[in-house]
Amino acid sequence: VELARQRRISPDMQAGGIATVSNFGIFGMEWGTPIPLPDQTLLLGLGVGKKVPVWDETRKEFVPKTEAQITLSFDHRSIDGGGASRLLKRVIELLQDPTKL
């Protein structure tokens, strides 16, 4: 973790994994189209969180809610769209309720 914070992780240190998470939101980017590293299956991209108005049906008014764009790029040779969609849906569920982690 410390090497990552210092931005000192070499490509060799990233070898052997199947997935990568890229948090481009820390640079203020809302979304991106990340490309998986060679020999990896998928890359999850996280955009910046921002407040947006969301209609609350119970209260009959708009309320502020934090939303962020999440992108999943994957290699179709390893996983199909259905599997990737289920994975992304589960990630979203966990991020919406971190107590499930």
PDB file of N, CA and C in Angstrom:
ATOM      1  N   VAL A   1       0.828  -1.186   0.000  1.00  0.00           N
ATOM      2  CA  VAL A   1       0.000   0.000   0.000  1.00  0.00           C
ATOM      3  C   VAL A   1       0.875   1.254   0.000  1.00  0.00           C
ATOM      4  N   GLU A   2       1.924   1.219   0.786  1.00  0.00           N
ATOM      5  CA  GLU A   2       2.798   2.393   0.859  1.00  0.00           C
ATOM      6  C   GLU A   2       3.441   2.694  -0.498  1.00  0.00           C
ATOM      7  N   LEU A   3       3.858   1.653  -1.210  1.00  0.00           N
ATOM      8  CA  LEU A   3       4.444   1.875  -2.540  1.00  0.00           C
ATOM      9  C   LEU A   3       3.422   2.489  -3.492  1.00  0.00           C
ATOM     10  N   ALA A   4       2.179   2.057  -3.393  1.00  0.00           N
ATOM     11  CA  ALA A   4       1.131   2.627  -4.243  1.00  0.00           C
ATOM     12  C   ALA A   4       0.928   4.103  -3.921  1.00  0.00           C
ATOM     13  N   ARG A   5       0.926   4.425  -2.654  1.00  0.00           N
ATOM     14  CA  ARG A   5       0.772   5.833  -2.256  1.00  0.00           C
ATOM     15  C   ARG A   5       1.921   6.687  -2.764  1.00  0.00           C
ATOM     16  N   GLN A   6       3.093   6.089  -2.847  1.00  0.00           N
ATOM     17  CA  GLN A   6       4.270   6.809  -3.336  1.00  0.00           C
ATOM     18  C   GLN A   6       4.386   6.740  -4.863  1.00  0.00           C
ATOM     19  N   ARG A   7       3.431   6.061  -5.507  1.00  0.00           N
ATOM     20  CA  ARG A   7       3.422   5.881  -6.968  1.00  0.00           C
ATOM     21  C   ARG A   7       4.694   5.199  -7.450  1.00  0.00           C
ATOM     22  N   ARG A   8       5.097   4.158  -6.724  1.00  0.00           N
ATOM     23  CA  ARG A   8       6.331   3.448  -7.054  1.00  0.00           C
ATOM     24  C   ARG A   8       6.068   1.986  -7.414  1.00  0.00           C
ATOM     25  N   ILE A   9       4.879   1.672  -7.904  1.00  0.00           N
ATOM     26  CA  ILE A   9       4.582   0.296  -8.296  1.00  0.00           C
ATOM     27  C   ILE A   9       4.948   0.120  -9.766  1.00  0.00           C
ATOM     28  N   SER A  10       5.834  -0.812 -10.031  1.00  0.00           N
ATOM     29  CA  SER A  10       6.280  -1.068 -11.406  1.00  0.00           C
ATOM     30  C   SER A  10       5.316  -2.039 -12.088  1.00  0.00           C
ATOM     31  N   PRO A  11       5.334  -2.102 -13.418  1.00  0.00           N
ATOM     32  CA  PRO A  11       4.498  -3.076 -14.128  1.00  0.00           C
ATOM     33  C   PRO A  11       4.758  -4.513 -13.679  1.00  0.00           C
ATOM     34  N   ASP A  12       6.007  -4.841 -13.366  1.00  0.00           N
ATOM     35  CA  ASP A  12       6.321  -6.195 -12.896  1.00  0.00           C
ATOM     36  C   ASP A  12       5.591  -6.517 -11.597  1.00  0.00           C
ATOM     37  N   MET A  13       5.422  -5.534 -10.741  1.00  0.00           N
ATOM     38  CA  MET A  13       4.740  -5.753  -9.466  1.00  0.00           C
ATOM     39  C   MET A  13       3.243  -5.966  -9.663  1.00  0.00           C
ATOM     40  N   GLN A  14       2.713  -5.563 -10.811  1.00  0.00           N
ATOM     41  CA  GLN A  14       1.291  -5.713 -11.094  1.00  0.00           C
ATOM     42  C   GLN A  14       0.988  -7.019 -11.818  1.00  0.00           C
ATOM     43  N   ALA A  15       2.009  -7.766 -12.181  1.00  0.00           N
ATOM     44  CA  ALA A  15       1.828  -9.013 -12.938  1.00  0.00           C
ATOM     45  C   ALA A  15       1.167 -10.077 -12.066  1.00  0.00           C
ATOM     46  N   GLY A  16       0.446 -10.966 -12.716  1.00  0.00           N
ATOM     47  CA  GLY A  16      -0.151 -12.091 -12.020  1.00  0.00           C
ATOM     48  C   GLY A  16      -1.570 -11.849 -11.544  1.00  0.00           C
ATOM     49  N   GLY A  17      -2.048 -10.629 -11.636  1.00  0.00           N
ATOM     50  CA  GLY A  17      -3.415 -10.337 -11.214  1.00  0.00           C
ATOM     51  C   GLY A  17      -4.398 -10.552 -12.353  1.00  0.00           C
ATOM     52  N   ILE A  18      -5.675 -10.604 -12.019  1.00  0.00           N
ATOM     53  CA  ILE A  18      -6.699 -10.732 -13.054  1.00  0.00           C
ATOM     54  C   ILE A  18      -7.505  -9.452 -13.214  1.00  0.00           C
ATOM     55  N   ALA A  19      -7.385  -8.534 -12.235  1.00  0.00           N
ATOM     56  CA  ALA A  19      -8.192  -7.319 -12.266  1.00  0.00           C
ATOM     57  C   ALA A  19      -7.423  -6.149 -11.661  1.00  0.00           C
ATOM     58  N   THR A  20      -7.823  -4.949 -12.074  1.00  0.00           N
ATOM     59  CA  THR A  20      -7.239  -3.719 -11.554  1.00  0.00           C
ATOM     60  C   THR A  20      -8.370  -2.749 -11.247  1.00  0.00           C
ATOM     61  N   VAL A  21      -8.177  -1.921 -10.230  1.00  0.00           N
ATOM     62  CA  VAL A  21      -9.104  -0.839  -9.923  1.00  0.00           C
ATOM     63  C   VAL A  21      -8.373   0.470 -10.176  1.00  0.00           C
ATOM     64  N   SER A  22      -9.003   1.352 -10.943  1.00  0.00           N
ATOM     65  CA  SER A  22      -8.418   2.657 -11.236  1.00  0.00           C
ATOM     66  C   SER A  22      -9.350   3.743 -10.698  1.00  0.00           C
ATOM     67  N   ASN A  23      -8.855   4.530  -9.757  1.00  0.00           N
ATOM     68  CA  ASN A  23      -9.640   5.603  -9.155  1.00  0.00           C
ATOM     69  C   ASN A  23      -9.267   6.929  -9.805  1.00  0.00           C
ATOM     70  N   PHE A  24      -9.790   7.152 -11.014  1.00  0.00           N
ATOM     71  CA  PHE A  24      -9.501   8.421 -11.686  1.00  0.00           C
ATOM     72  C   PHE A  24     -10.338   9.559 -11.110  1.00  0.00           C
ATOM     73  N   GLY A  25     -11.260   9.243 -10.207  1.00  0.00           N
ATOM     74  CA  GLY A  25     -12.055  10.262  -9.536  1.00  0.00           C
ATOM     75  C   GLY A  25     -11.226  11.195  -8.672  1.00  0.00           C
ATOM     76  N   ILE A  26     -10.080  10.714  -8.176  1.00  0.00           N
ATOM     77  CA  ILE A  26      -9.243  11.586  -7.344  1.00  0.00           C
ATOM     78  C   ILE A  26      -8.680  12.760  -8.135  1.00  0.00           C
ATOM     79  N   PHE A  27      -8.750  12.667  -9.455  1.00  0.00           N
ATOM     80  CA  PHE A  27      -8.297  13.765 -10.314  1.00  0.00           C
ATOM     81  C   PHE A  27      -9.470  14.623 -10.782  1.00  0.00           C
ATOM     82  N   GLY A  28     -10.662  14.386 -10.201  1.00  0.00           N
ATOM     83  CA  GLY A  28     -11.843  15.157 -10.553  1.00  0.00           C
ATOM     84  C   GLY A  28     -12.578  14.649 -11.778  1.00  0.00           C
ATOM     85  N   MET A  29     -12.134  13.544 -12.352  1.00  0.00           N
ATOM     86  CA  MET A  29     -12.786  12.995 -13.550  1.00  0.00           C
ATOM     87  C   MET A  29     -14.071  12.273 -13.154  1.00  0.00           C
ATOM     88  N   GLU A  30     -15.152  12.536 -13.892  1.00  0.00           N
ATOM     89  CA  GLU A  30     -16.422  11.880 -13.607  1.00  0.00           C
ATOM     90  C   GLU A  30     -16.451  10.454 -14.140  1.00  0.00           C
ATOM     91  N   TRP A  31     -15.891  10.243 -15.319  1.00  0.00           N
ATOM     92  CA  TRP A  31     -15.883   8.897 -15.898  1.00  0.00           C
ATOM     93  C   TRP A  31     -14.709   8.760 -16.844  1.00  0.00           C
ATOM     94  N   GLY A  32     -14.440   7.532 -17.203  1.00  0.00           N
ATOM     95  CA  GLY A  32     -13.365   7.242 -18.137  1.00  0.00           C
ATOM     96  C   GLY A  32     -13.588   5.871 -18.755  1.00  0.00           C
ATOM     97  N   THR A  33     -12.763   5.528 -19.694  1.00  0.00           N
ATOM     98  CA  THR A  33     -12.827   4.216 -20.334  1.00  0.00           C
ATOM     99  C   THR A  33     -11.484   3.528 -20.123  1.00  0.00           C
ATOM    100  N   PRO A  34     -11.306   2.930 -18.955  1.00  0.00           N
ATOM    101  CA  PRO A  34     -10.020   2.291 -18.666  1.00  0.00           C
ATOM    102  C   PRO A  34      -9.827   1.022 -19.488  1.00  0.00           C
ATOM    103  N   ILE A  35      -8.599   0.715 -19.802  1.00  0.00           N
ATOM    104  CA  ILE A  35      -8.260  -0.486 -20.576  1.00  0.00           C
ATOM    105  C   ILE A  35      -7.523  -1.452 -19.657  1.00  0.00           C
ATOM    106  N   PRO A  36      -7.985  -2.716 -19.580  1.00  0.00           N
ATOM    107  CA  PRO A  36      -7.290  -3.685 -18.718  1.00  0.00           C
ATOM    108  C   PRO A  36      -5.820  -3.827 -19.102  1.00  0.00           C
ATOM    109  N   LEU A  37      -4.998  -4.069 -18.099  1.00  0.00           N
ATOM    110  CA  LEU A  37      -3.577  -4.305 -18.331  1.00  0.00           C
ATOM    111  C   LEU A  37      -3.389  -5.602 -19.111  1.00  0.00           C
ATOM    112  N   PRO A  38      -2.270  -5.759 -19.812  1.00  0.00           N
ATOM    113  CA  PRO A  38      -2.017  -7.021 -20.524  1.00  0.00           C
ATOM    114  C   PRO A  38      -2.116  -8.208 -19.560  1.00  0.00           C
ATOM    115  N   ASP A  39      -2.704  -9.286 -20.036  1.00  0.00           N
ATOM    116  CA  ASP A  39      -2.885 -10.520 -19.264  1.00  0.00           C
ATOM    117  C   ASP A  39      -3.891 -10.383 -18.131  1.00  0.00           C
ATOM    118  N   GLN A  40      -4.618  -9.279 -18.050  1.00  0.00           N
ATOM    119  CA  GLN A  40      -5.664  -9.152 -17.044  1.00  0.00           C
ATOM    120  C   GLN A  40      -7.029  -9.211 -17.714  1.00  0.00           C
ATOM    121  N   THR A  41      -8.033  -9.598 -16.936  1.00  0.00           N
ATOM    122  CA  THR A  41      -9.373  -9.798 -17.466  1.00  0.00           C
ATOM    123  C   THR A  41     -10.225  -8.542 -17.416  1.00  0.00           C
ATOM    124  N   LEU A  42     -10.100  -7.760 -16.349  1.00  0.00           N
ATOM    125  CA  LEU A  42     -10.983  -6.605 -16.232  1.00  0.00           C
ATOM    126  C   LEU A  42     -10.343  -5.460 -15.472  1.00  0.00           C
ATOM    127  N   LEU A  43     -10.955  -4.292 -15.664  1.00  0.00           N
ATOM    128  CA  LEU A  43     -10.517  -3.086 -14.972  1.00  0.00           C
ATOM    129  C   LEU A  43     -11.752  -2.316 -14.540  1.00  0.00           C
ATOM    130  N   LEU A  44     -11.843  -2.036 -13.250  1.00  0.00           N
ATOM    131  CA  LEU A  44     -12.949  -1.282 -12.678  1.00  0.00           C
ATOM    132  C   LEU A  44     -12.498   0.158 -12.497  1.00  0.00           C
ATOM    133  N   GLY A  45     -13.196   1.097 -13.127  1.00  0.00           N
ATOM    134  CA  GLY A  45     -12.851   2.512 -13.029  1.00  0.00           C
ATOM    135  C   GLY A  45     -13.842   3.248 -12.149  1.00  0.00           C
ATOM    136  N   LEU A  46     -13.333   4.069 -11.233  1.00  0.00           N
ATOM    137  CA  LEU A  46     -14.170   4.818 -10.299  1.00  0.00           C
ATOM    138  C   LEU A  46     -14.046   6.309 -10.558  1.00  0.00           C
ATOM    139  N   GLY A  47     -15.191   6.958 -10.810  1.00  0.00           N
ATOM    140  CA  GLY A  47     -15.209   8.394 -11.029  1.00  0.00           C
ATOM    141  C   GLY A  47     -15.431   9.155  -9.732  1.00  0.00           C
ATOM    142  N   VAL A  48     -15.338  10.475  -9.804  1.00  0.00           N
ATOM    143  CA  VAL A  48     -15.502  11.335  -8.635  1.00  0.00           C
ATOM    144  C   VAL A  48     -16.961  11.312  -8.169  1.00  0.00           C
ATOM    145  N   GLY A  49     -17.150  11.349  -6.862  1.00  0.00           N
ATOM    146  CA  GLY A  49     -18.495  11.450  -6.306  1.00  0.00           C
ATOM    147  C   GLY A  49     -18.950  12.895  -6.325  1.00  0.00           C
ATOM    148  N   LYS A  50     -20.219  13.103  -6.671  1.00  0.00           N
ATOM    149  CA  LYS A  50     -20.745  14.465  -6.679  1.00  0.00           C
ATOM    150  C   LYS A  50     -22.208  14.447  -6.272  1.00  0.00           C
ATOM    151  N   LYS A  51     -22.644  15.534  -5.667  1.00  0.00           N
ATOM    152  CA  LYS A  51     -24.032  15.657  -5.217  1.00  0.00           C
ATOM    153  C   LYS A  51     -24.930  15.964  -6.414  1.00  0.00           C
ATOM    154  N   VAL A  52     -26.045  15.221  -6.485  1.00  0.00           N
ATOM    155  CA  VAL A  52     -27.034  15.443  -7.536  1.00  0.00           C
ATOM    156  C   VAL A  52     -28.424  15.411  -6.897  1.00  0.00           C
ATOM    157  N   PRO A  53     -29.400  16.118  -7.491  1.00  0.00           N
ATOM    158  CA  PRO A  53     -30.758  16.054  -6.954  1.00  0.00           C
ATOM    159  C   PRO A  53     -31.441  14.755  -7.396  1.00  0.00           C
ATOM    160  N   VAL A  54     -32.042  14.060  -6.434  1.00  0.00           N
ATOM    161  CA  VAL A  54     -32.743  12.804  -6.711  1.00  0.00           C
ATOM    162  C   VAL A  54     -34.150  12.915  -6.128  1.00  0.00           C
ATOM    163  N   TRP A  55     -35.143  12.522  -6.912  1.00  0.00           N
ATOM    164  CA  TRP A  55     -36.523  12.603  -6.455  1.00  0.00           C
ATOM    165  C   TRP A  55     -36.795  11.541  -5.396  1.00  0.00           C
ATOM    166  N   ASP A  56     -37.305  11.978  -4.230  1.00  0.00           N
ATOM    167  CA  ASP A  56     -37.695  11.082  -3.141  1.00  0.00           C
ATOM    168  C   ASP A  56     -39.207  10.936  -3.197  1.00  0.00           C
ATOM    169  N   GLU A  57     -39.679   9.775  -3.606  1.00  0.00           N
ATOM    170  CA  GLU A  57     -41.114   9.543  -3.793  1.00  0.00           C
ATOM    171  C   GLU A  57     -41.877   9.663  -2.475  1.00  0.00           C
ATOM    172  N   THR A  58     -41.279   9.251  -1.377  1.00  0.00           N
ATOM    173  CA  THR A  58     -41.942   9.324  -0.077  1.00  0.00           C
ATOM    174  C   THR A  58     -42.118  10.769   0.376  1.00  0.00           C
ATOM    175  N   ARG A  59     -41.064  11.554   0.251  1.00  0.00           N
ATOM    176  CA  ARG A  59     -41.106  12.949   0.698  1.00  0.00           C
ATOM    177  C   ARG A  59     -41.679  13.893  -0.354  1.00  0.00           C
ATOM    178  N   LYS A  60     -41.810  13.401  -1.581  1.00  0.00           N
ATOM    179  CA  LYS A  60     -42.329  14.202  -2.698  1.00  0.00           C
ATOM    180  C   LYS A  60     -41.503  15.463  -2.919  1.00  0.00           C
ATOM    181  N   GLU A  61     -40.182  15.275  -2.879  1.00  0.00           N
ATOM    182  CA  GLU A  61     -39.280  16.395  -3.123  1.00  0.00           C
ATOM    183  C   GLU A  61     -37.924  15.855  -3.578  1.00  0.00           C
ATOM    184  N   PHE A  62     -37.136  16.756  -4.144  1.00  0.00           N
ATOM    185  CA  PHE A  62     -35.774  16.388  -4.514  1.00  0.00           C
ATOM    186  C   PHE A  62     -34.891  16.455  -3.270  1.00  0.00           C
ATOM    187  N   VAL A  63     -34.010  15.478  -3.147  1.00  0.00           N
ATOM    188  CA  VAL A  63     -33.053  15.453  -2.038  1.00  0.00           C
ATOM    189  C   VAL A  63     -31.656  15.266  -2.623  1.00  0.00           C
ATOM    190  N   PRO A  64     -30.628  15.817  -1.962  1.00  0.00           N
ATOM    191  CA  PRO A  64     -29.269  15.635  -2.479  1.00  0.00           C
ATOM    192  C   PRO A  64     -28.770  14.214  -2.213  1.00  0.00           C
ATOM    193  N   LYS A  65     -28.097  13.673  -3.191  1.00  0.00           N
ATOM    194  CA  LYS A  65     -27.535  12.331  -3.064  1.00  0.00           C
ATOM    195  C   LYS A  65     -26.181  12.325  -3.767  1.00  0.00           C
ATOM    196  N   THR A  66     -25.220  11.628  -3.175  1.00  0.00           N
ATOM    197  CA  THR A  66     -23.907  11.519  -3.806  1.00  0.00           C
ATOM    198  C   THR A  66     -23.921  10.353  -4.783  1.00  0.00           C
ATOM    199  N   GLU A  67     -23.511  10.626  -6.005  1.00  0.00           N
ATOM    200  CA  GLU A  67     -23.417   9.592  -7.034  1.00  0.00           C
ATOM    201  C   GLU A  67     -22.033   9.636  -7.664  1.00  0.00           C
ATOM    202  N   ALA A  68     -21.611   8.493  -8.170  1.00  0.00           N
ATOM    203  CA  ALA A  68     -20.336   8.403  -8.882  1.00  0.00           C
ATOM    204  C   ALA A  68     -20.497   7.437 -10.045  1.00  0.00           C
ATOM    205  N   GLN A  69     -19.805   7.705 -11.123  1.00  0.00           N
ATOM    206  CA  GLN A  69     -19.814   6.817 -12.280  1.00  0.00           C
ATOM    207  C   GLN A  69     -18.823   5.681 -12.048  1.00  0.00           C
ATOM    208  N   ILE A  70     -19.250   4.474 -12.379  1.00  0.00           N
ATOM    209  CA  ILE A  70     -18.388   3.300 -12.267  1.00  0.00           C
ATOM    210  C   ILE A  70     -18.336   2.650 -13.643  1.00  0.00           C
ATOM    211  N   THR A  71     -17.139   2.346 -14.097  1.00  0.00           N
ATOM    212  CA  THR A  71     -16.930   1.756 -15.412  1.00  0.00           C
ATOM    213  C   THR A  71     -16.263   0.397 -15.259  1.00  0.00           C
ATOM    214  N   LEU A  72     -16.725  -0.574 -16.025  1.00  0.00           N
ATOM    215  CA  LEU A  72     -16.082  -1.887 -16.023  1.00  0.00           C
ATOM    216  C   LEU A  72     -15.697  -2.236 -17.454  1.00  0.00           C
ATOM    217  N   SER A  73     -14.407  -2.342 -17.698  1.00  0.00           N
ATOM    218  CA  SER A  73     -13.894  -2.788 -18.996  1.00  0.00           C
ATOM    219  C   SER A  73     -13.399  -4.212 -18.815  1.00  0.00           C
ATOM    220  N   PHE A  74     -13.695  -5.072 -19.783  1.00  0.00           N
ATOM    221  CA  PHE A  74     -13.322  -6.476 -19.615  1.00  0.00           C
ATOM    222  C   PHE A  74     -13.006  -7.130 -20.950  1.00  0.00           C
ATOM    223  N   ASP A  75     -12.295  -8.229 -20.876  1.00  0.00           N
ATOM    224  CA  ASP A  75     -11.885  -9.005 -22.042  1.00  0.00           C
ATOM    225  C   ASP A  75     -12.947 -10.073 -22.309  1.00  0.00           C
ATOM    226  N   HIS A  76     -13.639  -9.950 -23.432  1.00  0.00           N
ATOM    227  CA  HIS A  76     -14.709 -10.894 -23.777  1.00  0.00           C
ATOM    228  C   HIS A  76     -14.205 -12.320 -23.970  1.00  0.00           C
ATOM    229  N   ARG A  77     -12.923 -12.497 -24.115  1.00  0.00           N
ATOM    230  CA  ARG A  77     -12.400 -13.861 -24.236  1.00  0.00           C
ATOM    231  C   ARG A  77     -12.451 -14.588 -22.901  1.00  0.00           C
ATOM    232  N   SER A  78     -12.521 -13.837 -21.804  1.00  0.00           N
ATOM    233  CA  SER A  78     -12.507 -14.436 -20.470  1.00  0.00           C
ATOM    234  C   SER A  78     -13.850 -14.365 -19.753  1.00  0.00           C
ATOM    235  N   ILE A  79     -14.631 -13.340 -20.042  1.00  0.00           N
ATOM    236  CA  ILE A  79     -15.908 -13.144 -19.355  1.00  0.00           C
ATOM    237  C   ILE A  79     -16.895 -12.536 -20.343  1.00  0.00           C
ATOM    238  N   ASP A  80     -18.152 -12.993 -20.277  1.00  0.00           N
ATOM    239  CA  ASP A  80     -19.146 -12.434 -21.199  1.00  0.00           C
ATOM    240  C   ASP A  80     -19.869 -11.256 -20.539  1.00  0.00           C
ATOM    241  N   GLY A  81     -20.697 -10.594 -21.318  1.00  0.00           N
ATOM    242  CA  GLY A  81     -21.388  -9.405 -20.823  1.00  0.00           C
ATOM    243  C   GLY A  81     -22.288  -9.681 -19.633  1.00  0.00           C
ATOM    244  N   GLY A  82     -22.915 -10.854 -19.604  1.00  0.00           N
ATOM    245  CA  GLY A  82     -23.788 -11.199 -18.482  1.00  0.00           C
ATOM    246  C   GLY A  82     -23.017 -11.307 -17.181  1.00  0.00           C
ATOM    247  N   GLY A  83     -21.898 -12.013 -17.213  1.00  0.00           N
ATOM    248  CA  GLY A  83     -21.069 -12.152 -16.014  1.00  0.00           C
ATOM    249  C   GLY A  83     -20.508 -10.820 -15.559  1.00  0.00           C
ATOM    250  N   ALA A  84     -20.067 -10.007 -16.513  1.00  0.00           N
ATOM    251  CA  ALA A  84     -19.523  -8.688 -16.181  1.00  0.00           C
ATOM    252  C   ALA A  84     -20.614  -7.803 -15.575  1.00  0.00           C
ATOM    253  N   SER A  85     -21.821  -7.885 -16.114  1.00  0.00           N
ATOM    254  CA  SER A  85     -22.932  -7.090 -15.582  1.00  0.00           C
ATOM    255  C   SER A  85     -23.281  -7.501 -14.157  1.00  0.00           C
ATOM    256  N   ARG A  86     -23.287  -8.799 -13.895  1.00  0.00           N
ATOM    257  CA  ARG A  86     -23.573  -9.273 -12.535  1.00  0.00           C
ATOM    258  C   ARG A  86     -22.493  -8.810 -11.556  1.00  0.00           C
ATOM    259  N   LEU A  87     -21.248  -8.853 -11.991  1.00  0.00           N
ATOM    260  CA  LEU A  87     -20.154  -8.389 -11.144  1.00  0.00           C
ATOM    261  C   LEU A  87     -20.315  -6.905 -10.830  1.00  0.00           C
ATOM    262  N   LEU A  88     -20.568  -6.105 -11.853  1.00  0.00           N
ATOM    263  CA  LEU A  88     -20.709  -4.664 -11.653  1.00  0.00           C
ATOM    264  C   LEU A  88     -21.908  -4.352 -10.758  1.00  0.00           C
ATOM    265  N   LYS A  89     -23.000  -5.059 -10.951  1.00  0.00           N
ATOM    266  CA  LYS A  89     -24.184  -4.864 -10.108  1.00  0.00           C
ATOM    267  C   LYS A  89     -23.848  -5.151  -8.646  1.00  0.00           C
ATOM    268  N   ARG A  90     -23.099  -6.218  -8.396  1.00  0.00           N
ATOM    269  CA  ARG A  90     -22.725  -6.568  -7.015  1.00  0.00           C
ATOM    270  C   ARG A  90     -21.792  -5.511  -6.415  1.00  0.00           C
ATOM    271  N   VAL A  91     -20.851  -5.016  -7.186  1.00  0.00           N
ATOM    272  CA  VAL A  91     -19.958  -3.957  -6.701  1.00  0.00           C
ATOM    273  C   VAL A  91     -20.776  -2.731  -6.303  1.00  0.00           C
ATOM    274  N   ILE A  92     -21.740  -2.360  -7.132  1.00  0.00           N
ATOM    275  CA  ILE A  92     -22.591  -1.204  -6.837  1.00  0.00           C
ATOM    276  C   ILE A  92     -23.381  -1.435  -5.556  1.00  0.00           C
ATOM    277  N   GLU A  93     -23.956  -2.635  -5.394  1.00  0.00           N
ATOM    278  CA  GLU A  93     -24.700  -2.953  -4.170  1.00  0.00           C
ATOM    279  C   GLU A  93     -23.817  -2.796  -2.936  1.00  0.00           C
ATOM    280  N   LEU A  94     -22.591  -3.277  -3.010  1.00  0.00           N
ATOM    281  CA  LEU A  94     -21.680  -3.188  -1.865  1.00  0.00           C
ATOM    282  C   LEU A  94     -21.273  -1.750  -1.568  1.00  0.00           C
ATOM    283  N   LEU A  95     -21.065  -0.955  -2.607  1.00  0.00           N
ATOM    284  CA  LEU A  95     -20.695   0.443  -2.390  1.00  0.00           C
ATOM    285  C   LEU A  95     -21.863   1.254  -1.825  1.00  0.00           C
ATOM    286  N   GLN A  96     -23.094   0.866  -2.178  1.00  0.00           N
ATOM    287  CA  GLN A  96     -24.263   1.567  -1.652  1.00  0.00           C
ATOM    288  C   GLN A  96     -24.529   1.222  -0.191  1.00  0.00           C
ATOM    289  N   ASP A  97     -24.070   0.059   0.253  1.00  0.00           N
ATOM    290  CA  ASP A  97     -24.246  -0.366   1.642  1.00  0.00           C
ATOM    291  C   ASP A  97     -22.956  -1.020   2.127  1.00  0.00           C
ATOM    292  N   PRO A  98     -21.964  -0.206   2.503  1.00  0.00           N
ATOM    293  CA  PRO A  98     -20.653  -0.743   2.892  1.00  0.00           C
ATOM    294  C   PRO A  98     -20.688  -1.711   4.069  1.00  0.00           C
ATOM    295  N   THR A  99     -21.779  -1.739   4.845  1.00  0.00           N
ATOM    296  CA  THR A  99     -21.853  -2.704   5.950  1.00  0.00           C
ATOM    297  C   THR A  99     -21.877  -4.134   5.431  1.00  0.00           C
ATOM    298  N   LYS A 100     -22.212  -4.322   4.160  1.00  0.00           N
ATOM    299  CA  LYS A 100     -22.219  -5.661   3.553  1.00  0.00           C
ATOM    300  C   LYS A 100     -20.815  -6.145   3.208  1.00  0.00           C
ATOM    301  N   LEU A 101     -19.851  -5.224   3.236  1.00  0.00           N
ATOM    302  CA  LEU A 101     -18.478  -5.620   2.956  1.00  0.00           C
ATOM    303  C   LEU A 101     -17.994  -6.443   4.103  1.00  0.00           C
TER     304      LEU A 101
END
